[in-house]
Amino acid sequence: MEASAAKFIGAGLAAIGMIGSGIGVGNIWANLISTVGRNPSAKANVELYGWIGFAVTEAIALFALVVALMVLFA
C-alpha cells in the first residue's frame, strides 16, 4: 500500500467523528423543539442550554475535521 492511499484511509476514518456530531446536533434540536412544544413558557430556560449543547457538539465535528485534514496534508 502506498503512503498516499494510507493517508486517504486515515483521513476518512478520522472524519467518521463528524457523523456522530451530526446525530448529536439533530438530537439536541429535536429535544429542544419537543420541550418547547410541550411547555412554551419554558423556552427562556431551555434555549440557552440548547445553544450551548449545539456549540459543544459542533466543536467536536470541527476537531474531527481538523484531525482529518492534518492526516491528509501532513
N, C-alpha and C. Protein backbone atom coordinates (compact mmCIF):
# COMPACT_ATOMS: atom_id res chain seq x y z
N MET A 1 0.85 -1.17 0.00
CA MET A 1 0.00 0.00 0.00
C MET A 1 0.89 1.24 0.00
N GLU A 2 0.53 2.17 -0.83
CA GLU A 2 1.30 3.41 -0.90
C GLU A 2 0.94 4.33 0.26
N ALA A 3 1.82 5.25 0.54
CA ALA A 3 1.60 6.19 1.65
C ALA A 3 0.41 7.11 1.37
N SER A 4 0.21 7.49 0.13
CA SER A 4 -0.92 8.37 -0.18
C SER A 4 -2.26 7.66 0.03
N ALA A 5 -2.31 6.37 -0.27
CA ALA A 5 -3.54 5.61 -0.05
C ALA A 5 -3.82 5.49 1.45
N ALA A 6 -2.78 5.29 2.24
CA ALA A 6 -2.96 5.21 3.69
C ALA A 6 -3.43 6.54 4.26
N LYS A 7 -2.97 7.65 3.69
CA LYS A 7 -3.43 8.97 4.14
C LYS A 7 -4.91 9.15 3.88
N PHE A 8 -5.37 8.71 2.70
CA PHE A 8 -6.80 8.83 2.38
C PHE A 8 -7.65 7.98 3.32
N ILE A 9 -7.18 6.78 3.61
CA ILE A 9 -7.92 5.91 4.52
C ILE A 9 -7.95 6.51 5.92
N GLY A 10 -6.83 7.03 6.39
CA GLY A 10 -6.76 7.65 7.71
C GLY A 10 -7.64 8.89 7.82
N ALA A 11 -7.65 9.69 6.76
CA ALA A 11 -8.50 10.89 6.77
C ALA A 11 -9.97 10.51 6.78
N GLY A 12 -10.33 9.48 6.05
CA GLY A 12 -11.71 9.01 6.06
C GLY A 12 -12.13 8.48 7.41
N LEU A 13 -11.24 7.75 8.07
CA LEU A 13 -11.55 7.23 9.40
C LEU A 13 -11.65 8.35 10.43
N ALA A 14 -10.82 9.37 10.29
CA ALA A 14 -10.88 10.49 11.22
C ALA A 14 -12.16 11.31 11.02
N ALA A 15 -12.68 11.32 9.81
CA ALA A 15 -13.90 12.09 9.53
C ALA A 15 -15.16 11.39 10.02
N ILE A 16 -15.04 10.15 10.47
CA ILE A 16 -16.21 9.43 10.98
C ILE A 16 -16.76 10.13 12.22
N GLY A 17 -15.92 10.82 12.96
CA GLY A 17 -16.39 11.55 14.14
C GLY A 17 -17.42 12.62 13.80
N MET A 18 -17.44 13.07 12.57
CA MET A 18 -18.41 14.09 12.17
C MET A 18 -19.81 13.49 12.05
N ILE A 19 -19.91 12.20 11.82
CA ILE A 19 -21.22 11.55 11.75
C ILE A 19 -21.90 11.59 13.11
N GLY A 20 -21.15 11.23 14.14
CA GLY A 20 -21.71 11.26 15.49
C GLY A 20 -22.11 12.66 15.92
N SER A 21 -21.34 13.62 15.49
CA SER A 21 -21.67 15.00 15.83
C SER A 21 -22.95 15.44 15.14
N GLY A 22 -23.15 15.04 13.91
CA GLY A 22 -24.39 15.37 13.21
C GLY A 22 -25.60 14.75 13.87
N ILE A 23 -25.46 13.52 14.33
CA ILE A 23 -26.55 12.86 15.04
C ILE A 23 -26.82 13.58 16.36
N GLY A 24 -25.76 13.99 17.04
CA GLY A 24 -25.92 14.70 18.31
C GLY A 24 -26.62 16.04 18.15
N VAL A 25 -26.26 16.77 17.12
CA VAL A 25 -26.90 18.07 16.88
C VAL A 25 -28.37 17.88 16.56
N GLY A 26 -28.69 16.85 15.78
CA GLY A 26 -30.08 16.56 15.48
C GLY A 26 -30.88 16.22 16.73
N ASN A 27 -30.28 15.44 17.62
CA ASN A 27 -30.96 15.10 18.87
C ASN A 27 -31.17 16.33 19.76
N ILE A 28 -30.18 17.19 19.81
CA ILE A 28 -30.31 18.40 20.64
C ILE A 28 -31.47 19.26 20.16
N TRP A 29 -31.53 19.54 18.86
CA TRP A 29 -32.60 20.39 18.35
C TRP A 29 -33.95 19.71 18.42
N ALA A 30 -34.00 18.40 18.18
CA ALA A 30 -35.27 17.69 18.27
C ALA A 30 -35.83 17.74 19.70
N ASN A 31 -34.96 17.54 20.67
CA ASN A 31 -35.41 17.59 22.06
C ASN A 31 -35.79 19.01 22.48
N LEU A 32 -35.07 20.00 21.97
CA LEU A 32 -35.41 21.39 22.30
C LEU A 32 -36.78 21.75 21.73
N ILE A 33 -37.03 21.38 20.49
CA ILE A 33 -38.32 21.66 19.87
C ILE A 33 -39.44 20.92 20.60
N SER A 34 -39.17 19.68 20.97
CA SER A 34 -40.16 18.90 21.71
C SER A 34 -40.47 19.53 23.06
N THR A 35 -39.44 19.99 23.74
CA THR A 35 -39.64 20.61 25.05
C THR A 35 -40.43 21.90 24.95
N VAL A 36 -40.09 22.73 23.99
CA VAL A 36 -40.81 23.99 23.82
C VAL A 36 -42.24 23.73 23.34
N GLY A 37 -42.43 22.68 22.56
CA GLY A 37 -43.78 22.35 22.12
C GLY A 37 -44.66 21.89 23.27
N ARG A 38 -44.07 21.19 24.23
CA ARG A 38 -44.84 20.73 25.38
C ARG A 38 -45.11 21.83 26.38
N ASN A 39 -44.12 22.70 26.56
CA ASN A 39 -44.25 23.76 27.56
C ASN A 39 -43.65 25.04 27.00
N PRO A 40 -44.41 25.84 26.27
CA PRO A 40 -43.87 27.05 25.65
C PRO A 40 -43.31 28.06 26.64
N SER A 41 -43.80 28.06 27.87
CA SER A 41 -43.29 29.03 28.84
C SER A 41 -41.87 28.69 29.30
N ALA A 42 -41.40 27.48 29.02
CA ALA A 42 -40.04 27.08 29.43
C ALA A 42 -38.99 27.43 28.39
N LYS A 43 -39.40 28.10 27.31
CA LYS A 43 -38.45 28.40 26.23
C LYS A 43 -37.25 29.21 26.72
N ALA A 44 -37.50 30.20 27.54
CA ALA A 44 -36.41 31.04 28.02
C ALA A 44 -35.41 30.25 28.86
N ASN A 45 -35.89 29.22 29.55
CA ASN A 45 -34.99 28.44 30.40
C ASN A 45 -34.17 27.41 29.63
N VAL A 46 -34.74 26.81 28.61
CA VAL A 46 -34.05 25.71 27.93
C VAL A 46 -33.32 26.15 26.66
N GLU A 47 -33.61 27.33 26.14
CA GLU A 47 -32.99 27.76 24.89
C GLU A 47 -31.48 27.94 25.04
N LEU A 48 -31.05 28.50 26.14
CA LEU A 48 -29.61 28.68 26.37
C LEU A 48 -28.88 27.35 26.40
N TYR A 49 -29.47 26.36 27.08
CA TYR A 49 -28.84 25.04 27.15
C TYR A 49 -28.80 24.37 25.78
N GLY A 50 -29.80 24.63 24.95
CA GLY A 50 -29.79 24.11 23.59
C GLY A 50 -28.65 24.68 22.77
N TRP A 51 -28.44 25.99 22.88
CA TRP A 51 -27.34 26.61 22.13
C TRP A 51 -25.98 26.17 22.64
N ILE A 52 -25.84 26.02 23.94
CA ILE A 52 -24.56 25.55 24.49
C ILE A 52 -24.29 24.12 24.03
N GLY A 53 -25.30 23.27 24.10
CA GLY A 53 -25.14 21.89 23.63
C GLY A 53 -24.81 21.83 22.16
N PHE A 54 -25.45 22.67 21.36
CA PHE A 54 -25.14 22.73 19.94
C PHE A 54 -23.69 23.13 19.70
N ALA A 55 -23.23 24.15 20.41
CA ALA A 55 -21.87 24.64 20.20
C ALA A 55 -20.83 23.60 20.59
N VAL A 56 -21.05 22.93 21.69
CA VAL A 56 -20.09 21.92 22.13
C VAL A 56 -20.07 20.73 21.17
N THR A 57 -21.24 20.32 20.73
CA THR A 57 -21.31 19.19 19.81
C THR A 57 -20.72 19.55 18.45
N GLU A 58 -20.95 20.75 18.01
CA GLU A 58 -20.38 21.18 16.73
C GLU A 58 -18.87 21.32 16.82
N ALA A 59 -18.36 21.68 17.99
CA ALA A 59 -16.90 21.77 18.17
C ALA A 59 -16.26 20.41 17.99
N ILE A 60 -16.93 19.35 18.40
CA ILE A 60 -16.39 18.01 18.21
C ILE A 60 -16.26 17.71 16.72
N ALA A 61 -17.24 18.13 15.93
CA ALA A 61 -17.16 17.93 14.48
C ALA A 61 -16.00 18.72 13.88
N LEU A 62 -15.78 19.92 14.35
CA LEU A 62 -14.66 20.71 13.84
C LEU A 62 -13.32 20.09 14.22
N PHE A 63 -13.22 19.52 15.42
CA PHE A 63 -11.99 18.84 15.81
C PHE A 63 -11.75 17.62 14.92
N ALA A 64 -12.80 16.87 14.62
CA ALA A 64 -12.66 15.72 13.74
C ALA A 64 -12.21 16.16 12.34
N LEU A 65 -12.76 17.26 11.86
CA LEU A 65 -12.37 17.78 10.55
C LEU A 65 -10.91 18.21 10.55
N VAL A 66 -10.47 18.87 11.60
CA VAL A 66 -9.08 19.31 11.67
C VAL A 66 -8.14 18.12 11.70
N VAL A 67 -8.49 17.09 12.47
CA VAL A 67 -7.65 15.90 12.53
C VAL A 67 -7.59 15.22 11.15
N ALA A 68 -8.74 15.13 10.47
CA ALA A 68 -8.76 14.53 9.15
C ALA A 68 -7.88 15.32 8.16
N LEU A 69 -7.94 16.62 8.21
CA LEU A 69 -7.11 17.44 7.33
C LEU A 69 -5.63 17.34 7.67
N MET A 70 -5.33 17.23 8.98
CA MET A 70 -3.93 17.05 9.38
C MET A 70 -3.39 15.72 8.89
N VAL A 71 -4.18 14.68 8.97
CA VAL A 71 -3.74 13.37 8.47
C VAL A 71 -3.55 13.42 6.96
N LEU A 72 -4.44 14.12 6.28
CA LEU A 72 -4.39 14.15 4.83
C LEU A 72 -3.23 15.00 4.30
N PHE A 73 -2.96 16.13 4.91
CA PHE A 73 -1.98 17.05 4.35
C PHE A 73 -0.66 17.12 5.10
N ALA A 74 -0.53 16.43 6.20
CA ALA A 74 0.73 16.48 6.95
C ALA A 74 1.60 15.29 6.64
